[in-house]
C-alpha atoms as a PDB file:
ATOM      1  CA  MET A   1    -127.897  30.094 -62.744  1.00  0.00           C
ATOM      2  CA  ALA A   2    -127.719  31.629 -59.368  1.00  0.00           C
ATOM      3  CA  SER A   3    -124.889  30.177 -57.115  1.00  0.00           C
ATOM      4  CA  SER A   4    -125.560  27.871 -54.054  1.00  0.00           C
ATOM      5  CA  LEU A   5    -122.640  29.194 -52.277  1.00  0.00           C
ATOM      6  CA  PRO A   6    -123.141  31.534 -49.550  1.00  0.00           C
ATOM      7  CA  LEU A   7    -121.820  35.191 -49.849  1.00  0.00           C
ATOM      8  CA  VAL A   8    -119.221  36.373 -47.147  1.00  0.00           C
ATOM      9  CA  GLY A   9    -119.462  40.032 -46.311  1.00  0.00           C
ATOM     10  CA  PRO A  10    -116.849  42.018 -44.701  1.00  0.00           C
ATOM     11  CA  ALA A  11    -118.859  41.881 -41.589  1.00  0.00           C
ATOM     12  CA  MET A  12    -118.165  38.089 -41.554  1.00  0.00           C
ATOM     13  CA  VAL A  13    -114.475  38.308 -42.274  1.00  0.00           C
ATOM     14  CA  GLY A  14    -113.406  39.305 -38.792  1.00  0.00           C
ATOM     15  CA  PRO A  15    -115.333  36.496 -36.763  1.00  0.00           C
ATOM     16  CA  ILE A  16    -114.128  33.963 -39.318  1.00  0.00           C
ATOM     17  CA  ALA A  17    -110.363  34.974 -39.091  1.00  0.00           C
ATOM     18  CA  SER A  18    -110.737  35.170 -35.129  1.00  0.00           C
ATOM     19  CA  ARG A  19    -112.076  31.339 -35.107  1.00  0.00           C
ATOM     20  CA  ILE A  20    -109.276  30.256 -37.451  1.00  0.00           C
ATOM     21  CA  MET A  21    -106.527  32.088 -35.555  1.00  0.00           C
ATOM     22  CA  LYS A  22    -107.780  30.253 -32.066  1.00  0.00           C
ATOM     23  CA  ALA A  23    -108.047  26.999 -34.002  1.00  0.00           C
ATOM     24  CA  ALA A  24    -104.621  27.324 -35.375  1.00  0.00           C
ATOM     25  CA  SER A  25    -103.289  28.424 -31.648  1.00  0.00           C
ATOM     26  CA  LYS A  26    -104.842  25.318 -29.981  1.00  0.00           C
ATOM     27  CA  LEU A  27    -103.294  22.935 -32.775  1.00  0.00           C
ATOM     28  CA  PHE A  28    -100.127  24.713 -32.112  1.00  0.00           C
ATOM     29  CA  ILE A  29    -100.153  23.882 -28.434  1.00  0.00           C
ATOM     30  CA  LEU A  30    -101.475  20.537 -28.790  1.00  0.00           C
ATOM     31  CA  LEU A  31     -98.306  19.686 -31.119  1.00  0.00           C
ATOM     32  CA  THR A  32     -95.927  21.200 -28.842  1.00  0.00           C
ATOM     33  CA  ILE A  33     -97.242  19.029 -25.941  1.00  0.00           C
ATOM     34  CA  ILE A  34     -97.342  15.878 -27.873  1.00  0.00           C
ATOM     35  CA  THR A  35     -93.722  16.608 -28.963  1.00  0.00           C
ATOM     36  CA  TYR A  36     -92.500  16.931 -25.670  1.00  0.00           C
ATOM     37  CA  LEU A  37     -94.184  14.211 -24.379  1.00  0.00           C
ATOM     38  CA  SER A  38     -92.827  11.826 -26.952  1.00  0.00           C
ATOM     39  CA  LEU A  39     -89.516  12.300 -25.459  1.00  0.00           C
ATOM     40  CA  ILE A  40     -90.365  10.419 -22.513  1.00  0.00           C
ATOM     41  CA  PRO A  41     -90.336   6.625 -23.700  1.00  0.00           C
ATOM     42  CA  GLY A  42     -87.167   7.080 -25.770  1.00  0.00           C
ATOM     43  CA  VAL A  43     -84.918   9.124 -23.420  1.00  0.00           C
ATOM     44  CA  SER A  44     -82.805  10.284 -26.195  1.00  0.00           C
ATOM     45  CA  SER A  45     -81.145  13.443 -24.651  1.00  0.00           C
ATOM     46  CA  MET A  46     -79.884  14.750 -21.398  1.00  0.00           C
ATOM     47  CA  LEU A  47     -77.523  12.502 -19.424  1.00  0.00           C
ATOM     48  CA  PHE A  48     -78.832   9.393 -21.080  1.00  0.00           C
ATOM     49  CA  VAL A  49     -76.638   7.497 -23.279  1.00  0.00           C
ATOM     50  CA  PRO A  50     -78.809   5.149 -25.594  1.00  0.00           C
ATOM     51  CA  ARG A  51     -77.347   1.703 -26.824  1.00  0.00           C
ATOM     52  CA  LYS A  52     -76.266   2.869 -30.020  1.00  0.00           C
ATOM     53  CA  LYS A  53     -74.202   5.792 -28.794  1.00  0.00           C
ATOM     54  CA  TRP A  54     -71.903   3.502 -26.765  1.00  0.00           C
ATOM     55  CA  ASN A  55     -71.734   0.847 -29.755  1.00  0.00           C
ATOM     56  CA  ALA A  56     -73.433  -1.880 -28.037  1.00  0.00           C
ATOM     57  CA  ARG A  57     -73.572  -5.229 -29.729  1.00  0.00           C
ATOM     58  CA  SER A  58     -77.050  -6.442 -30.764  1.00  0.00           C
ATOM     59  CA  PRO A  59     -78.622  -8.944 -28.224  1.00  0.00           C
ATOM     60  CA  LYS A  60     -79.487 -12.540 -28.736  1.00  0.00           C
ATOM     61  CA  PRO A  61     -83.061 -13.162 -29.212  1.00  0.00           C
ATOM     62  CA  GLY A  62     -85.306 -14.779 -26.252  1.00  0.00           C
ATOM     63  CA  ILE A  63     -84.721 -12.122 -23.509  1.00  0.00           C
ATOM     64  CA  GLU A  64     -87.875 -12.334 -21.281  1.00  0.00           C
ATOM     65  CA  SER A  65     -89.796  -9.378 -20.573  1.00  0.00           C
ATOM     66  CA  MET A  66     -89.894  -7.701 -16.880  1.00  0.00           C
ATOM     67  CA  LYS A  67     -93.407  -7.774 -15.370  1.00  0.00           C
ATOM     68  CA  ASN A  68     -94.327  -6.114 -11.948  1.00  0.00           C
ATOM     69  CA  ALA A  69     -90.785  -5.155 -11.132  1.00  0.00           C
ATOM     70  CA  LYS A  70     -90.646  -4.602  -7.134  1.00  0.00           C
ATOM     71  CA  GLY A  71     -87.868  -1.946  -7.614  1.00  0.00           C
ATOM     72  CA  VAL A  72     -84.034  -2.040  -8.418  1.00  0.00           C
ATOM     73  CA  LYS A  73     -80.898  -3.795  -7.528  1.00  0.00           C
ATOM     74  CA  ILE A  74     -77.643  -1.785  -7.152  1.00  0.00           C
ATOM     75  CA  HIS A  75     -74.693  -3.117  -8.302  1.00  0.00           C
ATOM     76  CA  TYR A  76     -70.713  -2.474  -8.653  1.00  0.00           C
ATOM     77  CA  LEU A  77     -68.517  -3.505 -11.230  1.00  0.00           C
ATOM     78  CA  GLY A  78     -66.460  -5.960  -8.978  1.00  0.00           C
ATOM     79  CA  SER A  79     -63.430  -6.039  -6.849  1.00  0.00           C
ATOM     80  CA  TYR A  80     -61.278  -3.042  -8.302  1.00  0.00           C
ATOM     81  CA  PHE A  81     -62.165   0.143 -10.479  1.00  0.00           C
ATOM     82  CA  ALA A  82     -59.450   2.375 -11.214  1.00  0.00           C
ATOM     83  CA  GLY A  83     -61.995   4.907 -12.425  1.00  0.00           C
ATOM     84  CA  SER A  84     -62.596   6.844 -16.001  1.00  0.00           C
ATOM     85  CA  THR A  85     -59.980   9.538 -16.655  1.00  0.00           C
ATOM     86  CA  SER A  86     -62.555  11.276 -18.994  1.00  0.00           C
ATOM     87  CA  HIS A  87     -66.127  10.715 -19.849  1.00  0.00           C
ATOM     88  CA  ALA A  88     -65.185   9.074 -23.234  1.00  0.00           C
ATOM     89  CA  ASP A  89     -63.736   6.276 -21.454  1.00  0.00           C
ATOM     90  CA  CYS A  90     -67.025   5.233 -19.901  1.00  0.00           C
ATOM     91  CA  LYS A  91     -68.388   3.832 -22.931  1.00  0.00           C
ATOM     92  CA  LYS A  92     -65.537   1.294 -23.215  1.00  0.00           C
ATOM     93  CA  VAL A  93     -66.362   0.286 -19.671  1.00  0.00           C
ATOM     94  CA  MET A  94     -69.814  -0.555 -21.041  1.00  0.00           C
ATOM     95  CA  GLN A  95     -68.271  -2.488 -24.067  1.00  0.00           C
ATOM     96  CA  ARG A  96     -65.920  -4.740 -21.685  1.00  0.00           C
ATOM     97  CA  THR A  97     -68.790  -5.334 -19.509  1.00  0.00           C
ATOM     98  CA  GLN A  98     -71.336  -6.654 -22.332  1.00  0.00           C
ATOM     99  CA  ASN A  99     -68.317  -8.378 -23.909  1.00  0.00           C
ATOM    100  CA  LYS A 100     -67.462 -10.455 -20.641  1.00  0.00           C
ATOM    101  CA  HIS A 101     -71.150 -11.132 -20.074  1.00  0.00           C
ATOM    102  CA  MET A 102     -71.993 -12.440 -23.623  1.00  0.00           C
ATOM    103  CA  ASP A 103     -68.675 -14.217 -24.438  1.00  0.00           C
ATOM    104  CA  LYS A 104     -67.906 -15.546 -20.972  1.00  0.00           C
ATOM    105  CA  GLU A 105     -71.044 -15.877 -19.250  1.00  0.00           C
ATOM    106  CA  LYS A 106     -72.690 -16.729 -22.464  1.00  0.00           C
ATOM    107  CA  TRP A 107     -75.654 -14.172 -21.630  1.00  0.00           C
ATOM    108  CA  ASP A 108     -78.011 -12.921 -24.303  1.00  0.00           C
ATOM    109  CA  ASP A 109     -76.748  -9.275 -23.497  1.00  0.00           C
ATOM    110  CA  ILE A 110     -75.222  -6.956 -20.946  1.00  0.00           C
ATOM    111  CA  GLY A 111     -76.643  -8.138 -17.888  1.00  0.00           C
ATOM    112  CA  TYR A 112     -77.665  -4.723 -16.497  1.00  0.00           C
ATOM    113  CA  ASN A 113     -80.751  -2.806 -17.337  1.00  0.00           C
ATOM    114  CA  LEU A 114     -79.204   0.669 -16.850  1.00  0.00           C
ATOM    115  CA  ALA A 115     -75.477   1.712 -15.785  1.00  0.00           C
ATOM    116  CA  VAL A 116     -74.323   4.943 -14.223  1.00  0.00           C
ATOM    117  CA  CYS A 117     -70.813   6.541 -14.852  1.00  0.00           C
ATOM    118  CA  GLN A 118     -68.877   8.729 -12.676  1.00  0.00           C
ATOM    119  CA  HIS A 119     -69.870  11.742 -14.321  1.00  0.00           C
ATOM    120  CA  GLY A 120     -73.603  11.082 -13.558  1.00  0.00           C
ATOM    121  CA  TYR A 121     -74.680   9.823 -17.249  1.00  0.00           C
ATOM    122  CA  VAL A 122     -77.121   6.812 -17.325  1.00  0.00           C
ATOM    123  CA  PHE A 123     -76.297   4.356 -19.999  1.00  0.00           C
ATOM    124  CA  GLU A 124     -78.983   2.139 -21.381  1.00  0.00           C
ATOM    125  CA  GLY A 125     -78.179  -1.588 -20.985  1.00  0.00           C
ATOM    126  CA  ARG A 126     -80.870  -4.209 -21.652  1.00  0.00           C
ATOM    127  CA  GLY A 127     -83.039  -1.207 -20.872  1.00  0.00           C
ATOM    128  CA  ARG A 128     -86.787  -1.019 -19.322  1.00  0.00           C
ATOM    129  CA  GLY A 129     -89.320  -3.700 -19.742  1.00  0.00           C
ATOM    130  CA  LYS A 130     -86.637  -6.604 -20.012  1.00  0.00           C
ATOM    131  CA  LYS A 131     -85.364  -9.090 -17.215  1.00  0.00           C
ATOM    132  CA  SER A 132     -81.880  -8.549 -16.073  1.00  0.00           C
ATOM    133  CA  ALA A 133     -79.464 -11.310 -15.986  1.00  0.00           C
ATOM    134  CA  ALA A 134     -77.275  -9.953 -13.045  1.00  0.00           C
ATOM    135  CA  ASN A 135     -79.294 -10.570  -9.784  1.00  0.00           C
ATOM    136  CA  GLY A 136     -78.013 -13.913  -9.089  1.00  0.00           C
ATOM    137  CA  ASN A 137     -80.685 -16.425 -10.532  1.00  0.00           C
ATOM    138  CA  LYS A 138     -83.945 -16.451 -12.513  1.00  0.00           C
ATOM    139  CA  ASP A 139     -86.265 -15.697  -9.397  1.00  0.00           C
ATOM    140  CA  LEU A 140     -84.339 -12.734  -8.464  1.00  0.00           C
ATOM    141  CA  ASN A 141     -83.904 -11.393 -12.054  1.00  0.00           C
ATOM    142  CA  SER A 142     -87.690 -11.433 -12.307  1.00  0.00           C
ATOM    143  CA  LYS A 143     -88.357  -9.466  -9.345  1.00  0.00           C
ATOM    144  CA  HIS A 144     -85.898  -6.302  -9.710  1.00  0.00           C
ATOM    145  CA  TYR A 145     -84.388  -4.425 -12.315  1.00  0.00           C
ATOM    146  CA  ALA A 146     -80.426  -4.341 -12.262  1.00  0.00           C
ATOM    147  CA  VAL A 147     -78.488  -0.974 -12.144  1.00  0.00           C
ATOM    148  CA  LEU A 148     -74.804  -0.877 -12.204  1.00  0.00           C
ATOM    149  CA  VAL A 149     -72.903   1.952 -10.669  1.00  0.00           C
ATOM    150  CA  PHE A 150     -69.351   2.341 -11.944  1.00  0.00           C
ATOM    151  CA  LEU A 151     -67.408   1.762  -8.630  1.00  0.00           C
ATOM    152  CA  GLY A 152     -65.488  -1.146  -6.946  1.00  0.00           C
ATOM    153  CA  LYS A 153     -64.788  -2.827  -3.840  1.00  0.00           C
ATOM    154  CA  LEU A 154     -61.332  -1.189  -4.124  1.00  0.00           C
ATOM    155  CA  GLY A 155     -60.181   1.578  -5.994  1.00  0.00           C
ATOM    156  CA  VAL A 156     -62.939   4.218  -6.603  1.00  0.00           C
ATOM    157  CA  ASN A 157     -65.446   2.895  -4.236  1.00  0.00           C
ATOM    158  CA  LYS A 158     -67.536   6.003  -3.298  1.00  0.00           C
ATOM    159  CA  PRO A 159     -70.179   7.839  -5.807  1.00  0.00           C
ATOM    160  CA  SER A 160     -69.532  11.341  -6.760  1.00  0.00           C
ATOM    161  CA  GLN A 161     -72.508  13.687  -6.148  1.00  0.00           C
ATOM    162  CA  ASN A 162     -73.165  13.691  -9.810  1.00  0.00           C
ATOM    163  CA  GLN A 163     -72.938  10.096  -9.780  1.00  0.00           C
ATOM    164  CA  ILE A 164     -75.602   9.857  -7.098  1.00  0.00           C
ATOM    165  CA  HIS A 165     -77.782  12.171  -9.094  1.00  0.00           C
ATOM    166  CA  GLY A 166     -77.362   9.995 -11.991  1.00  0.00           C
ATOM    167  CA  ILE A 167     -78.538   6.703  -9.751  1.00  0.00           C
ATOM    168  CA  GLN A 168     -81.611   8.725  -8.512  1.00  0.00           C
ATOM    169  CA  ASP A 169     -82.397   9.611 -12.414  1.00  0.00           C
ATOM    170  CA  ALA A 170     -82.109   5.976 -13.298  1.00  0.00           C
ATOM    171  CA  ILE A 171     -84.457   4.838 -10.421  1.00  0.00           C
ATOM    172  CA  ALA A 172     -86.630   7.444 -11.161  1.00  0.00           C
ATOM    173  CA  TYR A 173     -86.933   6.608 -14.794  1.00  0.00           C
ATOM    174  CA  LEU A 174     -87.744   2.863 -14.004  1.00  0.00           C
ATOM    175  CA  ARG A 175     -90.296   3.934 -11.760  1.00  0.00           C
ATOM    176  CA  ARG A 176     -91.988   6.078 -14.271  1.00  0.00           C
ATOM    177  CA  HIS A 177     -92.204   2.830 -16.240  1.00  0.00           C
ATOM    178  CA  SER A 178     -94.071   0.822 -13.421  1.00  0.00           C
ATOM    179  CA  ALA A 179     -91.010  -0.182 -11.461  1.00  0.00           C
ATOM    180  CA  GLY A 180     -91.778  -0.257  -7.627  1.00  0.00           C
ATOM    181  CA  ASN A 181     -90.425   1.592  -4.893  1.00  0.00           C
ATOM    182  CA  GLN A 182     -87.849  -0.727  -3.406  1.00  0.00           C
ATOM    183  CA  ILE A 183     -84.056  -0.140  -3.619  1.00  0.00           C
ATOM    184  CA  LYS A 184     -81.867  -3.104  -2.666  1.00  0.00           C
ATOM    185  CA  GLY A 185     -78.213  -4.104  -3.241  1.00  0.00           C
ATOM    186  CA  HIS A 186     -77.376  -7.047  -5.208  1.00  0.00           C
ATOM    187  CA  LYS A 187     -76.384  -8.962  -2.206  1.00  0.00           C
ATOM    188  CA  ASP A 188     -79.925  -8.904  -0.550  1.00  0.00           C
ATOM    189  CA  GLY A 189     -81.303 -12.211  -1.512  1.00  0.00           C
ATOM    190  CA  TYR A 190     -77.935 -13.195  -2.984  1.00  0.00           C
ATOM    191  CA  ARG A 191     -75.642 -13.852   0.032  1.00  0.00           C
ATOM    192  CA  LYS A 192     -72.736 -15.160  -2.256  1.00  0.00           C
ATOM    193  CA  SER A 193     -71.976 -11.452  -3.290  1.00  0.00           C
ATOM    194  CA  GLN A 194     -70.590  -8.522  -1.430  1.00  0.00           C
ATOM    195  CA  CYS A 195     -71.953  -6.351  -4.180  1.00  0.00           C
ATOM    196  CA  PRO A 196     -72.430  -3.392  -4.157  1.00  0.00           C
ATOM    197  CA  GLY A 197     -69.574  -2.748  -1.452  1.00  0.00           C
ATOM    198  CA  THR A 198     -69.686  -1.012   2.162  1.00  0.00           C
ATOM    199  CA  LYS A 199     -70.052   2.316   1.035  1.00  0.00           C
ATOM    200  CA  LEU A 200     -72.657   1.975  -1.915  1.00  0.00           C
ATOM    201  CA  TYR A 201     -74.850  -0.362   0.160  1.00  0.00           C
ATOM    202  CA  GLY A 202     -74.722   1.972   3.114  1.00  0.00           C
ATOM    203  CA  MET A 203     -76.209   4.291   0.794  1.00  0.00           C
ATOM    204  CA  VAL A 204     -78.829   2.024  -0.459  1.00  0.00           C
ATOM    205  CA  LYS A 205     -79.878   1.405   3.250  1.00  0.00           C
ATOM    206  CA  SER A 206     -79.887   4.915   4.334  1.00  0.00           C
ATOM    207  CA  GLY A 207     -82.474   5.821   1.573  1.00  0.00           C
ATOM    208  CA  ALA A 208     -79.698   8.434  -0.136  1.00  0.00           C
ATOM    209  CA  LEU A 209     -80.283   6.744  -3.552  1.00  0.00           C
ATOM    210  CA  ASN A 210     -84.027   7.356  -3.525  1.00  0.00           C
ATOM    211  CA  PRO A 211     -85.019  10.025  -6.108  1.00  0.00           C
ATOM    212  CA  GLY A 212     -88.018  11.100  -3.761  1.00  0.00           C
ATOM    213  CA  THR A 213     -90.933  12.922  -5.220  1.00  0.00           C
ATOM    214  CA  LEU A 214     -90.983  12.873  -9.054  1.00  0.00           C
ATOM    215  CA  TRP A 215     -91.858  16.172 -10.230  1.00  0.00           C
ATOM    216  CA  ASN A 216     -93.524  16.356 -13.746  1.00  0.00           C
ATOM    217  CA  GLY A 217     -91.658  19.518 -14.810  1.00  0.00           C
ATOM    218  CA  GLY A 218     -93.165  23.024 -15.576  1.00  0.00           C
ATOM    219  CA  ASN A 219     -92.682  26.596 -15.242  1.00  0.00           C
ATOM    220  CA  TYR A 220     -91.769  28.349 -11.891  1.00  0.00           C
ATOM    221  CA  LYS A 221     -92.007  32.296 -10.950  1.00  0.00           C
ATOM    222  CA  VAL A 222     -89.046  33.305  -8.978  1.00  0.00           C
ATOM    223  CA  LYS A 223     -90.126  34.606  -5.613  1.00  0.00           C
ATOM    224  CA  ALA A 224     -88.553  36.965  -3.273  1.00  0.00           C
ATOM    225  CA  GLY A 225     -85.629  35.136  -1.186  1.00  0.00           C
ATOM    226  CA  ASP A 226     -85.269  32.186  -3.979  1.00  0.00           C
ATOM    227  CA  THR A 227     -81.763  30.923  -4.710  1.00  0.00           C
ATOM    228  CA  LEU A 228     -81.111  28.256  -7.138  1.00  0.00           C
ATOM    229  CA  ARG A 229     -80.165  25.997  -4.229  1.00  0.00           C
ATOM    230  CA  ALA A 230     -83.245  26.537  -2.568  1.00  0.00           C
ATOM    231  CA  ILE A 231     -85.539  25.849  -5.676  1.00  0.00           C
ATOM    232  CA  SER A 232     -83.316  22.604  -6.570  1.00  0.00           C
ATOM    233  CA  ILE A 233     -83.968  21.216  -2.964  1.00  0.00           C
ATOM    234  CA  ASN A 234     -87.783  22.248  -3.018  1.00  0.00           C
ATOM    235  CA  LYS A 235     -88.495  20.737  -6.597  1.00  0.00           C
ATOM    236  CA  ASN A 236     -85.955  17.875  -5.741  1.00  0.00           C
ATOM    237  CA  VAL A 237     -84.011  18.605  -9.236  1.00  0.00           C
ATOM    238  CA  PRO A 238     -80.486  18.933  -9.331  1.00  0.00           C
ATOM    239  CA  GLN A 239     -79.146  22.581  -9.940  1.00  0.00           C
ATOM    240  CA  ARG A 240     -77.025  21.620 -13.063  1.00  0.00           C
ATOM    241  CA  TYR A 241     -80.241  20.634 -14.636  1.00  0.00           C
ATOM    242  CA  ILE A 242     -81.980  23.746 -13.866  1.00  0.00           C
ATOM    243  CA  ILE A 243     -78.968  25.769 -15.125  1.00  0.00           C
ATOM    244  CA  LYS A 244     -78.696  23.850 -18.484  1.00  0.00           C
ATOM    245  CA  ILE A 245     -82.298  24.134 -19.521  1.00  0.00           C
ATOM    246  CA  ASN A 246     -82.687  27.806 -18.809  1.00  0.00           C
ATOM    247  CA  LYS A 247     -79.219  28.759 -20.026  1.00  0.00           C
ATOM    248  CA  LEU A 248     -78.137  30.605 -16.480  1.00  0.00           C
ATOM    249  CA  LYS A 249     -74.909  32.222 -15.999  1.00  0.00           C
ATOM    250  CA  LYS A 250     -72.803  32.713 -12.910  1.00  0.00           C
ATOM    251  CA  PRO A 251     -73.480  33.689 -10.308  1.00  0.00           C
ATOM    252  CA  TYR A 252     -76.747  32.447 -11.007  1.00  0.00           C
ATOM    253  CA  THR A 253     -78.747  35.217  -9.412  1.00  0.00           C
ATOM    254  CA  LEU A 254     -82.449  34.992  -9.983  1.00  0.00           C
ATOM    255  CA  LYS A 255     -84.589  37.857 -10.802  1.00  0.00           C
ATOM    256  CA  VAL A 256     -87.979  38.236  -8.626  1.00  0.00           C
ATOM    257  CA  GLY A 257     -90.770  37.642 -11.142  1.00  0.00           C
ATOM    258  CA  LYS A 258     -88.525  35.878 -13.683  1.00  0.00           C
ATOM    259  CA  MET A 259     -90.257  32.569 -15.117  1.00  0.00           C
ATOM    260  CA  ILE A 260     -87.801  29.595 -15.377  1.00  0.00           C
ATOM    261  CA  TYR A 261     -88.412  25.957 -16.149  1.00  0.00           C
ATOM    262  CA  ILE A 262     -87.873  23.216 -13.756  1.00  0.00           C
ATOM    263  CA  PRO A 263     -87.244  20.057 -15.666  1.00  0.00           C
ATOM    264  CA  ALA A 264     -88.594  16.656 -14.339  1.00  0.00           C
ATOM    265  CA  ARG A 265     -86.626  13.835 -12.898  1.00  0.00           C
ATOM    266  CA  GLY A 266     -86.240  10.437 -14.643  1.00  0.00           C
ATOM    267  CA  VAL A 267     -87.250  12.021 -17.978  1.00  0.00           C
ATOM    268  CA  PRO A 268     -84.835  13.446 -20.718  1.00  0.00           C
ATOM    269  CA  LEU A 269     -83.773  17.221 -20.321  1.00  0.00           C
ATOM    270  CA  PRO A 270     -85.069  19.000 -23.640  1.00  0.00           C
ATOM    271  CA  LYS A 271     -82.813  20.764 -25.520  1.00  0.00           C
ATOM    272  CA  LYS A 272     -85.238  23.868 -25.324  1.00  0.00           C
ATOM    273  CA  LYS A 273     -87.682  25.172 -22.864  1.00  0.00           C
ATOM    274  CA  PRO A 274     -90.787  23.436 -23.545  1.00  0.00           C
ATOM    275  CA  VAL A 275     -93.463  25.998 -25.047  1.00  0.00           C
ATOM    276  CA  GLY A 276     -97.118  25.994 -24.086  1.00  0.00           C
ATOM    277  CA  PRO A 277     -99.838  26.821 -21.569  1.00  0.00           C
ATOM    278  CA  ARG A 278     -99.200  26.386 -17.930  1.00  0.00           C
ATOM    279  CA  SER A 279    -101.460  23.878 -16.128  1.00  0.00           C
ATOM    280  CA  ARG A 280    -102.024  22.329 -12.731  1.00  0.00           C
ATOM    281  CA  ARG A 281     -99.837  19.545 -14.071  1.00  0.00           C
ATOM    282  CA  ASP A 282     -96.820  21.940 -14.082  1.00  0.00           C
ATOM    283  CA  GLU A 283     -96.871  22.392 -10.246  1.00  0.00           C
ATOM    284  CA  GLU A 284     -98.105  18.863  -9.142  1.00  0.00           C
ATOM    285  CA  PRO A 285     -95.632  16.078  -8.251  1.00  0.00           C
ATOM    286  CA  PHE A 286     -96.134  12.419  -9.078  1.00  0.00           C
ATOM    287  CA  GLU A 287     -96.127  11.249  -5.311  1.00  0.00           C
ATOM    288  CA  ILE A 288     -93.819   8.537  -4.708  1.00  0.00           C
ATOM    289  CA  GLU A 289     -91.816   9.382  -1.404  1.00  0.00           C
ATOM    290  CA  HIS A 290     -89.937  12.821  -0.455  1.00  0.00           C
ATOM    291  CA  LEU A 291     -86.296  13.132   0.095  1.00  0.00           C
ATOM    292  CA  ALA A 292     -84.864  16.118  -1.011  1.00  0.00           C
ATOM    293  CA  ALA A 293     -81.787  15.840  -3.475  1.00  0.00           C
ATOM    294  CA  GLU A 294     -78.888  18.443  -2.792  1.00  0.00           C
ATOM    295  CA  ASP A 295     -76.116  19.814  -5.020  1.00  0.00           C
END
């Protein structure tokens, strides 16, 4: 009985193999892109500290969802903050704050959506998509997210440069998840409070905490005259993020023609440079407002 299967001769092997290789290459690129994009919602690396990493208590049920947030309200810790001697102490600040809010204030969870320590790390509080409990009343809580900054009215009351970058990252992250552009202080709309203090509120009013244009990340080919500082300002990405992802060594001299990766703001810094084709998306900003950040 004759076989109904087509015969594959030597002349057909080459084209078939070529098509298989092209299909495999496209699949690899697709999986790489999907893997990278999947990091964005959870924010599980870079300078982000998820709840489980600071041993947060489980929230009580019933926290309302946040819809149509106009932006963020900036807060400080209170009348006095002595500062953290090491980054290991920062999670203790989060734990004390959550305990106070849940045990004394009888709130369902820590009142803030995000918090930023002196070292520039962004701690997950209630997180995105949930109303805060810290803005003063239900109406204020329904309009803005609450971002805590580890500072006080007295003691340590001026943010470090890394902390400013962290505040910008926190705002950028919330904007990437549908928050509006407003940046206000706790006392805006809640006159009983002096929060977030004179110095931090001055930065709120001056626009210094605005993350500016949010770049989506991508490859960048070093040009003649480029410096790390100049690229950082141009792309609005802190130098230390560029240094970390590209594993640059001091004195950070960049070779013309070298391809480096510029990470995005408000998304996790991947452990390795993403692999995949360049696209127009690599060089196009997610337009909000422009305010260059400087190290």
